Amino acid sequence: IDHSGGIALTAGATRVELKNFRINITGSPNLTAQVGDSSTRVPLTVDLSAARTGISNRTAVVRGAKVALSAESAAALNTAFGVSALKAGLPLGTADVRASVQ
């Protein structure tokens, strides 16, 4: 599932955009984000354990999926910001998805 939005993280003059999220809904769900205007994508973790799911009127809904930094995305952001404080598992927020079922 492709998403056209994104978020920007800033510290001082450094700004890193994570955008064009892609949610993979396989047996091992994951979320990736494009870094800025590059072709680089970083993985984020998705925890569906507390998410609510359902289908209504040909629309599949997932609410409350927890999104956090993966080890790879934390390392990339630490490098970009010149810090070492960001760790895998740091919560970024929640994701809600609505998709038409054909």
Protein backbone atom coordinates (compact mmCIF):
# COMPACT_ATOMS: atom_id res chain seq x y z
CA ILE A 1 0.00 0.00 0.00
CA ASP A 2 1.56 3.31 -1.07
CA HIS A 3 1.09 6.51 0.92
CA SER A 4 1.91 9.93 -0.51
CA GLY A 5 2.49 11.84 2.76
CA GLY A 6 5.43 11.94 5.09
CA ILE A 7 7.10 13.53 8.08
CA ALA A 8 10.10 15.81 8.48
CA LEU A 9 12.53 15.47 11.38
CA THR A 10 14.66 18.50 12.23
CA ALA A 11 17.47 19.34 14.62
CA GLY A 12 19.12 22.72 14.19
CA ALA A 13 19.81 23.21 10.50
CA THR A 14 19.52 19.49 9.67
CA ARG A 15 16.24 18.32 8.18
CA VAL A 16 15.47 14.74 7.15
CA GLU A 17 12.25 13.95 5.32
CA LEU A 18 10.70 10.50 5.45
CA LYS A 19 8.04 10.28 2.76
CA ASN A 20 6.26 8.08 0.25
CA PHE A 21 5.62 5.41 2.86
CA ARG A 22 5.06 1.91 1.55
CA ILE A 23 3.20 -0.59 3.72
CA ASN A 24 3.85 -4.24 2.88
CA ILE A 25 1.02 -6.44 4.13
CA THR A 26 2.66 -9.82 3.81
CA GLY A 27 3.05 -12.46 6.52
CA SER A 28 5.71 -10.18 8.04
CA PRO A 29 4.25 -6.68 7.67
CA ASN A 30 6.65 -3.80 7.37
CA LEU A 31 6.77 -0.17 6.45
CA THR A 32 9.45 1.62 4.47
CA ALA A 33 9.97 5.31 3.84
CA GLN A 34 11.87 7.17 1.14
CA VAL A 35 14.61 9.41 2.55
CA GLY A 36 14.31 12.90 1.07
CA ASP A 37 14.54 12.99 -2.72
CA SER A 38 16.93 10.04 -2.88
CA SER A 39 16.00 6.55 -4.00
CA THR A 40 17.04 5.25 -0.57
CA ARG A 41 14.30 3.61 1.50
CA VAL A 42 14.63 2.80 5.20
CA PRO A 43 12.58 0.20 7.06
CA LEU A 44 10.39 1.05 10.02
CA THR A 45 8.85 -1.55 12.30
CA VAL A 46 5.11 -2.13 12.52
CA ASP A 47 3.49 -3.72 15.57
CA LEU A 48 -0.03 -4.98 14.85
CA SER A 49 -0.55 -6.64 18.25
CA ALA A 50 -2.93 -3.93 19.51
CA ALA A 51 -4.28 -2.87 16.10
CA ARG A 52 -7.98 -3.13 15.35
CA THR A 53 -8.92 -4.57 11.98
CA GLY A 54 -12.11 -5.07 10.03
CA ILE A 55 -13.86 -4.99 6.68
CA SER A 56 -16.97 -2.93 6.04
CA ASN A 57 -18.60 -1.94 2.75
CA ARG A 58 -15.67 -3.28 0.70
CA THR A 59 -13.18 -1.27 2.76
CA ALA A 60 -10.48 -2.98 4.83
CA VAL A 61 -9.49 -0.98 7.90
CA VAL A 62 -6.47 -1.27 10.20
CA ARG A 63 -6.35 1.18 13.11
CA GLY A 64 -3.68 1.76 15.70
CA ALA A 65 -0.70 -0.03 14.15
CA LYS A 66 2.35 1.12 16.15
CA VAL A 67 5.25 2.42 14.04
CA ALA A 68 8.80 2.64 15.40
CA LEU A 69 12.37 3.04 14.22
CA SER A 70 14.18 -0.08 13.09
CA ALA A 71 17.89 -0.55 13.83
CA GLU A 72 18.69 0.51 10.25
CA SER A 73 16.54 3.66 10.31
CA ALA A 74 17.85 4.65 13.77
CA ALA A 75 21.44 4.29 12.55
CA ALA A 76 20.73 6.38 9.43
CA LEU A 77 19.10 9.15 11.46
CA ASN A 78 21.92 9.11 14.04
CA THR A 79 24.39 9.62 11.19
CA ALA A 80 22.33 12.41 9.61
CA PHE A 81 21.95 14.29 12.90
CA GLY A 82 25.42 13.49 14.29
CA VAL A 83 24.02 11.86 17.44
CA SER A 84 23.85 8.38 18.96
CA ALA A 85 20.66 8.72 21.00
CA LEU A 86 18.17 7.21 18.54
CA LYS A 87 17.58 3.50 19.09
CA ALA A 88 15.57 0.74 17.42
CA GLY A 89 12.08 0.62 18.85
CA LEU A 90 11.77 4.39 19.39
CA PRO A 91 8.08 5.09 18.72
CA LEU A 92 7.21 7.36 15.80
CA GLY A 93 3.43 7.11 16.09
CA THR A 94 0.54 5.03 14.84
CA ALA A 95 -0.71 4.23 11.38
CA ASP A 96 -4.31 3.86 10.28
CA VAL A 97 -5.01 2.32 6.89
CA ARG A 98 -8.18 2.21 4.80
CA ALA A 99 -8.03 0.26 1.57
CA SER A 100 -10.70 -0.57 -0.98
CA VAL A 101 -11.30 -4.29 -1.42
CA GLN A 102 -11.97 -5.25 -5.02
